[in-house]
């Protein structure tokens, strides 16, 4: 058997050629999952810029006979959940069960003293037993659902009327791209509203700098944010938010990001209205966007119910695994 070599790569020195090879490994490893994988350019941007907070904190590549056969990249949260190290990686199908994943994990564990390691695997794939063989335990899940935007769902018009009546005291405002300075205070309140979602982890604080760097990173990576905010008419208070991301290199699939309604403004079907407004907007102005995918924690029954009423269908389940040491 030829020797396996693990090489640490400086994220700043990652080339597009190698990024394409690593993205191809990831795509092959999840070939049976109907969720598109990253292309090389998206992978490169994620490693070098992330969400705007800077490059990945580590990247290791496994090679056999000079050919990449697996990788792991590490992100160390800087603001919340600072006890965690987040791993993203894959092993080529032909190299699975040959110790590649274990060798990559050993490199990570030697490089960080964070007490909790977190990684994801798609339910029903070899990733689940592989992580569990390495000592990880399944912790919680997210279900990915898809909405078909190419056809009119029979319930959209009725749902829209119901939501507009319930939310008559609110107005919706749209914007494309980075948040305008005049709207930053409202965006901070609305982004922090996601902390009420039934999701494990520390409270996430959003500053103007955090929002701006994230949005600038999206634009730098060829991704366009479409945002809709709800405001209470009489007080002007921000009440709700939804936004999606369109990758302009591959616009057929949009990705749903946060949808949140602040506690004081719940009970008016604002979440439903915001999502319906986004559907109408994309269908009218972005016919190249054919589907929108959204991730829901399996415990977030309220948002799951909304998404199912809109006609979203489950695609796959992502399982978060934890290794404590």
C-alpha atoms as a PDB file:
ATOM      1  CA  UNK A   1       0.000   0.000   0.000  1.00  0.00           C
ATOM      2  CA  UNK A   2       1.376   3.396  -0.922  1.00  0.00           C
ATOM      3  CA  UNK A   3       2.084   5.899   1.833  1.00  0.00           C
ATOM      4  CA  UNK A   4      -0.486   8.417   2.936  1.00  0.00           C
ATOM      5  CA  UNK A   5       0.850  11.917   3.534  1.00  0.00           C
ATOM      6  CA  UNK A   6      -0.948  14.731   5.390  1.00  0.00           C
ATOM      7  CA  UNK A   7       0.023  18.258   4.402  1.00  0.00           C
ATOM      8  CA  UNK A   8      -1.061  21.447   6.135  1.00  0.00           C
ATOM      9  CA  UNK A   9      -1.956  24.165   3.636  1.00  0.00           C
ATOM     10  CA  UNK A  10      -1.877  27.870   4.423  1.00  0.00           C
ATOM     11  CA  UNK A  11      -5.425  29.023   3.508  1.00  0.00           C
ATOM     12  CA  UNK A  12      -3.982  32.186   1.964  1.00  0.00           C
ATOM     13  CA  UNK A  13      -1.903  30.028  -0.397  1.00  0.00           C
ATOM     14  CA  UNK A  14      -4.686  27.686  -1.498  1.00  0.00           C
ATOM     15  CA  UNK A  15      -4.842  27.679  -5.293  1.00  0.00           C
ATOM     16  CA  UNK A  16      -7.961  27.458  -7.392  1.00  0.00           C
ATOM     17  CA  UNK A  17      -6.627  24.231  -8.925  1.00  0.00           C
ATOM     18  CA  UNK A  18      -6.326  22.514  -5.546  1.00  0.00           C
ATOM     19  CA  UNK A  19      -9.641  24.004  -4.397  1.00  0.00           C
ATOM     20  CA  UNK A  20     -11.308  22.405  -7.414  1.00  0.00           C
ATOM     21  CA  UNK A  21      -9.772  19.026  -6.538  1.00  0.00           C
ATOM     22  CA  UNK A  22     -10.973  19.256  -2.949  1.00  0.00           C
ATOM     23  CA  UNK A  23     -14.433  20.386  -4.019  1.00  0.00           C
ATOM     24  CA  UNK A  24     -14.570  17.367  -6.350  1.00  0.00           C
ATOM     25  CA  UNK A  25     -13.718  15.049  -3.442  1.00  0.00           C
ATOM     26  CA  UNK A  26     -16.537  16.550  -1.399  1.00  0.00           C
ATOM     27  CA  UNK A  27     -18.977  16.254  -4.308  1.00  0.00           C
ATOM     28  CA  UNK A  28     -18.072  12.587  -4.834  1.00  0.00           C
ATOM     29  CA  UNK A  29     -18.457  11.829  -1.125  1.00  0.00           C
ATOM     30  CA  UNK A  30     -21.988  13.232  -1.106  1.00  0.00           C
ATOM     31  CA  UNK A  31     -23.002  12.149  -4.597  1.00  0.00           C
ATOM     32  CA  UNK A  32     -26.181  10.487  -3.328  1.00  0.00           C
ATOM     33  CA  UNK A  33     -27.370  13.628  -1.534  1.00  0.00           C
ATOM     34  CA  UNK A  34     -29.544  15.910  -3.734  1.00  0.00           C
ATOM     35  CA  UNK A  35     -27.912  19.076  -2.380  1.00  0.00           C
ATOM     36  CA  UNK A  36     -25.388  20.721  -4.732  1.00  0.00           C
ATOM     37  CA  UNK A  37     -21.842  20.787  -3.432  1.00  0.00           C
ATOM     38  CA  UNK A  38     -19.407  23.697  -3.673  1.00  0.00           C
ATOM     39  CA  UNK A  39     -17.527  24.355  -6.875  1.00  0.00           C
ATOM     40  CA  UNK A  40     -13.838  25.228  -6.752  1.00  0.00           C
ATOM     41  CA  UNK A  41     -14.336  28.991  -6.685  1.00  0.00           C
ATOM     42  CA  UNK A  42     -16.882  28.775  -3.855  1.00  0.00           C
ATOM     43  CA  UNK A  43     -14.626  26.414  -1.908  1.00  0.00           C
ATOM     44  CA  UNK A  44     -11.651  28.750  -2.353  1.00  0.00           C
ATOM     45  CA  UNK A  45     -13.645  31.771  -1.178  1.00  0.00           C
ATOM     46  CA  UNK A  46     -14.981  29.877   1.858  1.00  0.00           C
ATOM     47  CA  UNK A  47     -11.466  28.880   2.916  1.00  0.00           C
ATOM     48  CA  UNK A  48      -9.912  32.305   2.380  1.00  0.00           C
ATOM     49  CA  UNK A  49     -12.731  34.589   3.543  1.00  0.00           C
ATOM     50  CA  UNK A  50     -15.368  32.509   5.323  1.00  0.00           C
ATOM     51  CA  UNK A  51     -18.227  34.700   6.506  1.00  0.00           C
ATOM     52  CA  UNK A  52     -16.027  37.779   6.390  1.00  0.00           C
ATOM     53  CA  UNK A  53     -14.232  37.011   9.643  1.00  0.00           C
ATOM     54  CA  UNK A  54     -11.078  35.898   7.859  1.00  0.00           C
ATOM     55  CA  UNK A  55      -9.543  32.715   6.490  1.00  0.00           C
ATOM     56  CA  UNK A  56     -10.075  29.236   7.862  1.00  0.00           C
ATOM     57  CA  UNK A  57      -8.017  28.476  10.957  1.00  0.00           C
ATOM     58  CA  UNK A  58      -6.585  25.342   9.461  1.00  0.00           C
ATOM     59  CA  UNK A  59      -6.590  23.265   6.280  1.00  0.00           C
ATOM     60  CA  UNK A  60      -5.090  19.808   5.973  1.00  0.00           C
ATOM     61  CA  UNK A  61      -4.984  17.734   2.792  1.00  0.00           C
ATOM     62  CA  UNK A  62      -4.417  13.972   2.658  1.00  0.00           C
ATOM     63  CA  UNK A  63      -2.488  12.814  -0.382  1.00  0.00           C
ATOM     64  CA  UNK A  64      -1.646   9.372  -1.715  1.00  0.00           C
ATOM     65  CA  UNK A  65       1.038   9.254  -4.382  1.00  0.00           C
ATOM     66  CA  UNK A  66       0.736  13.031  -4.677  1.00  0.00           C
ATOM     67  CA  UNK A  67      -2.999  12.911  -5.380  1.00  0.00           C
ATOM     68  CA  UNK A  68      -5.433  14.556  -2.922  1.00  0.00           C
ATOM     69  CA  UNK A  69      -7.762  11.951  -1.391  1.00  0.00           C
ATOM     70  CA  UNK A  70      -9.271  13.862   1.525  1.00  0.00           C
ATOM     71  CA  UNK A  71      -9.219  17.091   3.471  1.00  0.00           C
ATOM     72  CA  UNK A  72     -10.414  18.827   6.587  1.00  0.00           C
ATOM     73  CA  UNK A  73     -10.745  22.525   7.246  1.00  0.00           C
ATOM     74  CA  UNK A  74     -11.106  23.990  10.703  1.00  0.00           C
ATOM     75  CA  UNK A  75     -12.928  27.096  11.849  1.00  0.00           C
ATOM     76  CA  UNK A  76     -12.490  28.404  15.399  1.00  0.00           C
ATOM     77  CA  UNK A  77     -15.377  30.725  16.362  1.00  0.00           C
ATOM     78  CA  UNK A  78     -14.057  34.072  17.606  1.00  0.00           C
ATOM     79  CA  UNK A  79     -17.131  35.688  19.182  1.00  0.00           C
ATOM     80  CA  UNK A  80     -19.496  32.957  20.413  1.00  0.00           C
ATOM     81  CA  UNK A  81     -19.028  29.266  21.091  1.00  0.00           C
ATOM     82  CA  UNK A  82     -15.318  29.801  21.650  1.00  0.00           C
ATOM     83  CA  UNK A  83     -15.030  26.333  23.169  1.00  0.00           C
ATOM     84  CA  UNK A  84     -15.767  24.800  19.763  1.00  0.00           C
ATOM     85  CA  UNK A  85     -13.721  23.823  16.743  1.00  0.00           C
ATOM     86  CA  UNK A  86     -15.878  23.315  13.643  1.00  0.00           C
ATOM     87  CA  UNK A  87     -14.693  20.786  11.073  1.00  0.00           C
ATOM     88  CA  UNK A  88     -15.665  20.478   7.425  1.00  0.00           C
ATOM     89  CA  UNK A  89     -14.149  17.744   5.357  1.00  0.00           C
ATOM     90  CA  UNK A  90     -14.509  14.737   3.123  1.00  0.00           C
ATOM     91  CA  UNK A  91     -12.692  11.610   2.018  1.00  0.00           C
ATOM     92  CA  UNK A  92     -12.825  10.294  -1.547  1.00  0.00           C
ATOM     93  CA  UNK A  93     -15.116   7.240  -1.761  1.00  0.00           C
ATOM     94  CA  UNK A  94     -12.311   4.919  -2.869  1.00  0.00           C
ATOM     95  CA  UNK A  95     -10.245   5.967   0.164  1.00  0.00           C
ATOM     96  CA  UNK A  96     -12.893   5.556   2.827  1.00  0.00           C
ATOM     97  CA  UNK A  97     -12.220   3.004   5.614  1.00  0.00           C
ATOM     98  CA  UNK A  98      -8.471   3.269   5.000  1.00  0.00           C
ATOM     99  CA  UNK A  99      -7.602   5.514   7.938  1.00  0.00           C
ATOM    100  CA  UNK A 100      -7.632   8.814   6.057  1.00  0.00           C
ATOM    101  CA  UNK A 101     -10.258  10.444   8.262  1.00  0.00           C
ATOM    102  CA  UNK A 102      -8.485   9.325  11.450  1.00  0.00           C
ATOM    103  CA  UNK A 103      -5.167  10.772  10.301  1.00  0.00           C
ATOM    104  CA  UNK A 104      -6.805  14.078   9.414  1.00  0.00           C
ATOM    105  CA  UNK A 105      -8.557  14.234  12.799  1.00  0.00           C
ATOM    106  CA  UNK A 106      -5.268  13.569  14.593  1.00  0.00           C
ATOM    107  CA  UNK A 107      -3.798  16.635  12.895  1.00  0.00           C
ATOM    108  CA  UNK A 108      -6.717  18.768  14.040  1.00  0.00           C
ATOM    109  CA  UNK A 109      -6.592  17.541  17.629  1.00  0.00           C
ATOM    110  CA  UNK A 110      -2.872  18.255  17.788  1.00  0.00           C
ATOM    111  CA  UNK A 111      -3.363  21.775  16.446  1.00  0.00           C
ATOM    112  CA  UNK A 112      -6.107  23.043  18.786  1.00  0.00           C
ATOM    113  CA  UNK A 113      -6.877  22.726  22.487  1.00  0.00           C
ATOM    114  CA  UNK A 114     -10.579  23.485  22.103  1.00  0.00           C
ATOM    115  CA  UNK A 115     -12.479  20.976  24.234  1.00  0.00           C
ATOM    116  CA  UNK A 116     -15.362  20.305  21.853  1.00  0.00           C
ATOM    117  CA  UNK A 117     -15.047  19.335  18.191  1.00  0.00           C
ATOM    118  CA  UNK A 118     -18.099  19.625  15.943  1.00  0.00           C
ATOM    119  CA  UNK A 119     -18.610  18.060  12.516  1.00  0.00           C
ATOM    120  CA  UNK A 120     -21.551  17.282  10.235  1.00  0.00           C
ATOM    121  CA  UNK A 121     -22.506  14.206   8.260  1.00  0.00           C
ATOM    122  CA  UNK A 122     -25.401  13.526   5.928  1.00  0.00           C
ATOM    123  CA  UNK A 123     -27.853  10.997   7.341  1.00  0.00           C
ATOM    124  CA  UNK A 124     -27.634   7.653   5.559  1.00  0.00           C
ATOM    125  CA  UNK A 125     -24.132   8.208   4.173  1.00  0.00           C
ATOM    126  CA  UNK A 126     -20.808   6.684   5.168  1.00  0.00           C
ATOM    127  CA  UNK A 127     -20.004   9.930   6.989  1.00  0.00           C
ATOM    128  CA  UNK A 128     -22.206   8.999   9.958  1.00  0.00           C
ATOM    129  CA  UNK A 129     -20.526   5.690  10.907  1.00  0.00           C
ATOM    130  CA  UNK A 130     -17.134   7.182  10.036  1.00  0.00           C
ATOM    131  CA  UNK A 131     -17.512  10.021  12.557  1.00  0.00           C
ATOM    132  CA  UNK A 132     -18.931   7.689  15.196  1.00  0.00           C
ATOM    133  CA  UNK A 133     -15.993   5.307  14.717  1.00  0.00           C
ATOM    134  CA  UNK A 134     -13.739   8.292  15.468  1.00  0.00           C
ATOM    135  CA  UNK A 135     -15.508   8.887  18.786  1.00  0.00           C
ATOM    136  CA  UNK A 136     -18.119  11.453  17.769  1.00  0.00           C
ATOM    137  CA  UNK A 137     -21.726  11.222  18.961  1.00  0.00           C
ATOM    138  CA  UNK A 138     -24.798  12.392  17.060  1.00  0.00           C
ATOM    139  CA  UNK A 139     -26.162  15.528  18.758  1.00  0.00           C
ATOM    140  CA  UNK A 140     -28.886  17.245  16.715  1.00  0.00           C
ATOM    141  CA  UNK A 141     -30.159  17.444  13.162  1.00  0.00           C
ATOM    142  CA  UNK A 142     -31.220  19.869  10.453  1.00  0.00           C
ATOM    143  CA  UNK A 143     -33.545  18.989   7.603  1.00  0.00           C
ATOM    144  CA  UNK A 144     -32.954  20.645   4.228  1.00  0.00           C
ATOM    145  CA  UNK A 145     -36.147  21.475   2.349  1.00  0.00           C
ATOM    146  CA  UNK A 146     -36.551  22.769  -1.186  1.00  0.00           C
ATOM    147  CA  UNK A 147     -39.122  25.104  -2.699  1.00  0.00           C
ATOM    148  CA  UNK A 148     -39.846  24.926  -6.424  1.00  0.00           C
ATOM    149  CA  UNK A 149     -40.132  28.485  -7.756  1.00  0.00           C
ATOM    150  CA  UNK A 150     -40.834  27.515 -11.350  1.00  0.00           C
ATOM    151  CA  UNK A 151     -44.509  26.817 -10.762  1.00  0.00           C
ATOM    152  CA  UNK A 152     -47.330  28.526  -8.885  1.00  0.00           C
ATOM    153  CA  UNK A 153     -48.239  26.622  -5.749  1.00  0.00           C
ATOM    154  CA  UNK A 154     -52.053  26.287  -5.410  1.00  0.00           C
ATOM    155  CA  UNK A 155     -52.081  27.666  -1.856  1.00  0.00           C
ATOM    156  CA  UNK A 156     -49.841  30.736  -2.267  1.00  0.00           C
ATOM    157  CA  UNK A 157     -52.604  33.199  -3.199  1.00  0.00           C
ATOM    158  CA  UNK A 158     -54.849  32.122  -0.309  1.00  0.00           C
ATOM    159  CA  UNK A 159     -51.993  32.160   2.170  1.00  0.00           C
ATOM    160  CA  UNK A 160     -50.967  35.612   0.980  1.00  0.00           C
ATOM    161  CA  UNK A 161     -54.436  37.032   1.592  1.00  0.00           C
ATOM    162  CA  UNK A 162     -54.608  35.497   5.062  1.00  0.00           C
ATOM    163  CA  UNK A 163     -51.167  36.814   6.003  1.00  0.00           C
ATOM    164  CA  UNK A 164     -51.876  40.320   4.688  1.00  0.00           C
ATOM    165  CA  UNK A 165     -55.020  40.567   6.798  1.00  0.00           C
ATOM    166  CA  UNK A 166     -53.223  39.375   9.931  1.00  0.00           C
ATOM    167  CA  UNK A 167     -50.244  41.683   9.277  1.00  0.00           C
ATOM    168  CA  UNK A 168     -52.188  44.764   8.211  1.00  0.00           C
ATOM    169  CA  UNK A 169     -50.297  46.895  10.763  1.00  0.00           C
ATOM    170  CA  UNK A 170     -46.971  46.156   9.076  1.00  0.00           C
ATOM    171  CA  UNK A 171     -45.181  47.245   5.914  1.00  0.00           C
ATOM    172  CA  UNK A 172     -42.484  45.387   4.004  1.00  0.00           C
ATOM    173  CA  UNK A 173     -39.311  46.920   2.589  1.00  0.00           C
ATOM    174  CA  UNK A 174     -36.884  45.272   0.203  1.00  0.00           C
ATOM    175  CA  UNK A 175     -33.218  45.744  -0.526  1.00  0.00           C
ATOM    176  CA  UNK A 176     -30.561  44.002  -2.615  1.00  0.00           C
ATOM    177  CA  UNK A 177     -26.928  43.821  -1.572  1.00  0.00           C
ATOM    178  CA  UNK A 178     -25.291  45.211   1.568  1.00  0.00           C
ATOM    179  CA  UNK A 179     -27.495  46.822   4.209  1.00  0.00           C
ATOM    180  CA  UNK A 180     -27.791  50.611   3.725  1.00  0.00           C
ATOM    181  CA  UNK A 181     -26.255  52.548   6.658  1.00  0.00           C
ATOM    182  CA  UNK A 182     -29.629  54.068   7.548  1.00  0.00           C
ATOM    183  CA  UNK A 183     -31.052  50.566   8.048  1.00  0.00           C
ATOM    184  CA  UNK A 184     -28.166  49.097  10.030  1.00  0.00           C
ATOM    185  CA  UNK A 185     -29.719  49.534  13.489  1.00  0.00           C
ATOM    186  CA  UNK A 186     -32.859  47.735  12.344  1.00  0.00           C
ATOM    187  CA  UNK A 187     -30.792  44.955  10.771  1.00  0.00           C
ATOM    188  CA  UNK A 188     -28.851  44.439  14.001  1.00  0.00           C
ATOM    189  CA  UNK A 189     -32.075  43.949  15.980  1.00  0.00           C
ATOM    190  CA  UNK A 190     -33.484  41.616  13.329  1.00  0.00           C
ATOM    191  CA  UNK A 191     -30.360  39.501  12.951  1.00  0.00           C
ATOM    192  CA  UNK A 192     -30.157  39.072  16.722  1.00  0.00           C
ATOM    193  CA  UNK A 193     -33.780  37.947  16.660  1.00  0.00           C
ATOM    194  CA  UNK A 194     -32.581  34.587  15.321  1.00  0.00           C
ATOM    195  CA  UNK A 195     -31.333  33.830  18.834  1.00  0.00           C
ATOM    196  CA  UNK A 196     -34.897  32.864  19.752  1.00  0.00           C
ATOM    197  CA  UNK A 197     -34.745  29.920  17.355  1.00  0.00           C
ATOM    198  CA  UNK A 198     -34.558  26.512  19.106  1.00  0.00           C
ATOM    199  CA  UNK A 199     -30.885  26.019  18.241  1.00  0.00           C
ATOM    200  CA  UNK A 200     -28.073  25.043  20.638  1.00  0.00           C
ATOM    201  CA  UNK A 201     -25.231  27.489  21.128  1.00  0.00           C
ATOM    202  CA  UNK A 202     -24.293  30.838  22.621  1.00  0.00           C
ATOM    203  CA  UNK A 203     -26.205  34.078  22.073  1.00  0.00           C
ATOM    204  CA  UNK A 204     -25.018  35.668  18.821  1.00  0.00           C
ATOM    205  CA  UNK A 205     -24.276  39.385  19.002  1.00  0.00           C
ATOM    206  CA  UNK A 206     -24.362  41.315  15.730  1.00  0.00           C
ATOM    207  CA  UNK A 207     -22.393  44.534  15.396  1.00  0.00           C
ATOM    208  CA  UNK A 208     -22.371  46.824  12.346  1.00  0.00           C
ATOM    209  CA  UNK A 209     -18.880  45.540  11.553  1.00  0.00           C
ATOM    210  CA  UNK A 210     -19.950  41.916  11.718  1.00  0.00           C
ATOM    211  CA  UNK A 211     -22.898  42.460   9.400  1.00  0.00           C
ATOM    212  CA  UNK A 212     -20.893  44.585   6.969  1.00  0.00           C
ATOM    213  CA  UNK A 213     -17.966  42.176   6.724  1.00  0.00           C
ATOM    214  CA  UNK A 214     -20.345  39.265   6.179  1.00  0.00           C
ATOM    215  CA  UNK A 215     -22.241  41.070   3.425  1.00  0.00           C
ATOM    216  CA  UNK A 216     -19.042  42.306   1.790  1.00  0.00           C
ATOM    217  CA  UNK A 217     -17.706  38.750   1.832  1.00  0.00           C
ATOM    218  CA  UNK A 218     -20.849  37.544   0.074  1.00  0.00           C
ATOM    219  CA  UNK A 219     -20.499  40.144  -2.662  1.00  0.00           C
ATOM    220  CA  UNK A 220     -16.780  39.404  -3.055  1.00  0.00           C
ATOM    221  CA  UNK A 221     -17.644  35.754  -3.567  1.00  0.00           C
ATOM    222  CA  UNK A 222     -20.199  36.510  -6.291  1.00  0.00           C
ATOM    223  CA  UNK A 223     -23.225  36.036  -4.028  1.00  0.00           C
ATOM    224  CA  UNK A 224     -26.085  38.538  -3.876  1.00  0.00           C
ATOM    225  CA  UNK A 225     -28.252  38.908  -0.753  1.00  0.00           C
ATOM    226  CA  UNK A 226     -31.950  39.693  -1.210  1.00  0.00           C
ATOM    227  CA  UNK A 227     -33.505  40.950   2.028  1.00  0.00           C
ATOM    228  CA  UNK A 228     -37.030  41.896   3.098  1.00  0.00           C
ATOM    229  CA  UNK A 229     -37.729  43.587   6.427  1.00  0.00           C
ATOM    230  CA  UNK A 230     -41.076  44.156   8.127  1.00  0.00           C
ATOM    231  CA  UNK A 231     -41.773  47.351  10.105  1.00  0.00           C
ATOM    232  CA  UNK A 232     -44.647  48.236  12.407  1.00  0.00           C
ATOM    233  CA  UNK A 233     -46.505  51.054  10.665  1.00  0.00           C
ATOM    234  CA  UNK A 234     -47.423  53.208  13.678  1.00  0.00           C
ATOM    235  CA  UNK A 235     -44.173  52.930  15.652  1.00  0.00           C
ATOM    236  CA  UNK A 236     -41.667  52.317  12.864  1.00  0.00           C
ATOM    237  CA  UNK A 237     -40.166  49.466  14.879  1.00  0.00           C
ATOM    238  CA  UNK A 238     -38.406  46.704  12.948  1.00  0.00           C
ATOM    239  CA  UNK A 239     -40.423  43.529  13.328  1.00  0.00           C
ATOM    240  CA  UNK A 240     -39.235  40.777  11.007  1.00  0.00           C
ATOM    241  CA  UNK A 241     -36.653  39.738   8.441  1.00  0.00           C
ATOM    242  CA  UNK A 242     -36.060  37.191   5.745  1.00  0.00           C
ATOM    243  CA  UNK A 243     -33.171  37.042   3.311  1.00  0.00           C
ATOM    244  CA  UNK A 244     -31.826  34.683   0.689  1.00  0.00           C
ATOM    245  CA  UNK A 245     -28.495  34.409  -1.096  1.00  0.00           C
ATOM    246  CA  UNK A 246     -28.133  33.946  -4.848  1.00  0.00           C
ATOM    247  CA  UNK A 247     -24.796  32.656  -6.109  1.00  0.00           C
ATOM    248  CA  UNK A 248     -24.458  34.480  -9.416  1.00  0.00           C
ATOM    249  CA  UNK A 249     -22.243  31.733 -10.863  1.00  0.00           C
ATOM    250  CA  UNK A 250     -24.956  29.150 -10.173  1.00  0.00           C
ATOM    251  CA  UNK A 251     -28.182  31.122  -9.741  1.00  0.00           C
ATOM    252  CA  UNK A 252     -30.609  28.240 -10.286  1.00  0.00           C
ATOM    253  CA  UNK A 253     -30.539  27.458  -6.542  1.00  0.00           C
ATOM    254  CA  UNK A 254     -30.917  30.175  -3.929  1.00  0.00           C
ATOM    255  CA  UNK A 255     -30.145  29.589  -0.256  1.00  0.00           C
ATOM    256  CA  UNK A 256     -32.502  30.770   2.451  1.00  0.00           C
ATOM    257  CA  UNK A 257     -30.693  32.450   5.315  1.00  0.00           C
ATOM    258  CA  UNK A 258     -32.355  33.873   8.453  1.00  0.00           C
ATOM    259  CA  UNK A 259     -36.081  34.311   8.799  1.00  0.00           C
ATOM    260  CA  UNK A 260     -36.951  35.860  12.154  1.00  0.00           C
ATOM    261  CA  UNK A 261     -39.791  37.789  13.787  1.00  0.00           C
ATOM    262  CA  UNK A 262     -39.100  39.721  16.973  1.00  0.00           C
ATOM    263  CA  UNK A 263     -40.997  38.471  20.000  1.00  0.00           C
ATOM    264  CA  UNK A 264     -43.114  41.631  20.429  1.00  0.00           C
ATOM    265  CA  UNK A 265     -44.465  41.291  16.890  1.00  0.00           C
ATOM    266  CA  UNK A 266     -45.319  37.614  16.733  1.00  0.00           C
ATOM    267  CA  UNK A 267     -48.810  36.312  16.141  1.00  0.00           C
ATOM    268  CA  UNK A 268     -49.410  38.342  12.951  1.00  0.00           C
ATOM    269  CA  UNK A 269     -48.193  35.753  10.414  1.00  0.00           C
ATOM    270  CA  UNK A 270     -45.230  37.970   9.566  1.00  0.00           C
ATOM    271  CA  UNK A 271     -42.935  35.003   8.969  1.00  0.00           C
ATOM    272  CA  UNK A 272     -45.371  33.623   6.410  1.00  0.00           C
ATOM    273  CA  UNK A 273     -45.880  37.012   4.759  1.00  0.00           C
ATOM    274  CA  UNK A 274     -42.138  37.672   4.521  1.00  0.00           C
ATOM    275  CA  UNK A 275     -41.521  34.338   2.837  1.00  0.00           C
ATOM    276  CA  UNK A 276     -44.401  34.825   0.396  1.00  0.00           C
ATOM    277  CA  UNK A 277     -43.090  38.282  -0.479  1.00  0.00           C
ATOM    278  CA  UNK A 278     -39.678  36.781  -1.184  1.00  0.00           C
ATOM    279  CA  UNK A 279     -41.261  34.143  -3.430  1.00  0.00           C
ATOM    280  CA  UNK A 280     -43.098  36.823  -5.425  1.00  0.00           C
ATOM    281  CA  UNK A 281     -39.960  38.962  -5.683  1.00  0.00           C
ATOM    282  CA  UNK A 282     -37.702  36.176  -6.940  1.00  0.00           C
ATOM    283  CA  UNK A 283     -40.295  34.829  -9.370  1.00  0.00           C
ATOM    284  CA  UNK A 284     -40.839  38.302 -10.842  1.00  0.00           C
ATOM    285  CA  UNK A 285     -37.259  39.585 -10.980  1.00  0.00           C
ATOM    286  CA  UNK A 286     -35.035  36.476 -10.877  1.00  0.00           C
ATOM    287  CA  UNK A 287     -36.593  33.863 -13.162  1.00  0.00           C
ATOM    288  CA  UNK A 288     -33.149  32.245 -13.329  1.00  0.00           C
ATOM    289  CA  UNK A 289     -33.624  31.189  -9.702  1.00  0.00           C
ATOM    290  CA  UNK A 290     -35.505  27.888  -9.966  1.00  0.00           C
ATOM    291  CA  UNK A 291     -35.439  26.586  -6.397  1.00  0.00           C
ATOM    292  CA  UNK A 292     -34.684  27.827  -2.887  1.00  0.00           C
ATOM    293  CA  UNK A 293     -33.238  25.571  -0.187  1.00  0.00           C
ATOM    294  CA  UNK A 294     -33.676  26.147   3.531  1.00  0.00           C
ATOM    295  CA  UNK A 295     -32.225  24.458   6.636  1.00  0.00           C
ATOM    296  CA  UNK A 296     -34.391  23.951   9.725  1.00  0.00           C
ATOM    297  CA  UNK A 297     -33.385  22.518  13.069  1.00  0.00           C
ATOM    298  CA  UNK A 298     -35.622  19.506  13.607  1.00  0.00           C
ATOM    299  CA  UNK A 299     -36.851  21.146  16.830  1.00  0.00           C
ATOM    300  CA  UNK A 300     -38.030  24.319  15.065  1.00  0.00           C
ATOM    301  CA  UNK A 301     -41.560  23.100  14.543  1.00  0.00           C
ATOM    302  CA  UNK A 302     -43.041  26.564  13.989  1.00  0.00           C
ATOM    303  CA  UNK A 303     -40.840  27.382  10.993  1.00  0.00           C
ATOM    304  CA  UNK A 304     -41.119  23.844   9.664  1.00  0.00           C
ATOM    305  CA  UNK A 305     -44.912  24.208   9.647  1.00  0.00           C
ATOM    306  CA  UNK A 306     -44.647  27.473   7.679  1.00  0.00           C
ATOM    307  CA  UNK A 307     -42.279  25.945   5.155  1.00  0.00           C
ATOM    308  CA  UNK A 308     -44.496  22.925   4.643  1.00  0.00           C
ATOM    309  CA  UNK A 309     -47.541  25.159   4.065  1.00  0.00           C
ATOM    310  CA  UNK A 310     -45.520  26.893   1.354  1.00  0.00           C
ATOM    311  CA  UNK A 311     -44.922  23.554  -0.357  1.00  0.00           C
ATOM    312  CA  UNK A 312     -41.318  22.884   0.606  1.00  0.00           C
ATOM    313  CA  UNK A 313     -40.277  19.236   0.393  1.00  0.00           C
ATOM    314  CA  UNK A 314     -37.516  17.499   2.414  1.00  0.00           C
ATOM    315  CA  UNK A 315     -34.285  16.682   0.586  1.00  0.00           C
ATOM    316  CA  UNK A 316     -31.817  15.434   3.155  1.00  0.00           C
ATOM    317  CA  UNK A 317     -30.905  15.491   6.832  1.00  0.00           C
ATOM    318  CA  UNK A 318     -27.652  16.869   8.195  1.00  0.00           C
ATOM    319  CA  UNK A 319     -26.553  15.413  11.534  1.00  0.00           C
ATOM    320  CA  UNK A 320     -24.308  17.446  13.833  1.00  0.00           C
ATOM    321  CA  UNK A 321     -21.783  15.246  15.628  1.00  0.00           C
ATOM    322  CA  UNK A 322     -19.824  16.199  18.751  1.00  0.00           C
ATOM    323  CA  UNK A 323     -16.502  14.960  20.114  1.00  0.00           C
ATOM    324  CA  UNK A 324     -15.726  16.044  23.686  1.00  0.00           C
ATOM    325  CA  UNK A 325     -12.241  15.662  25.048  1.00  0.00           C
END
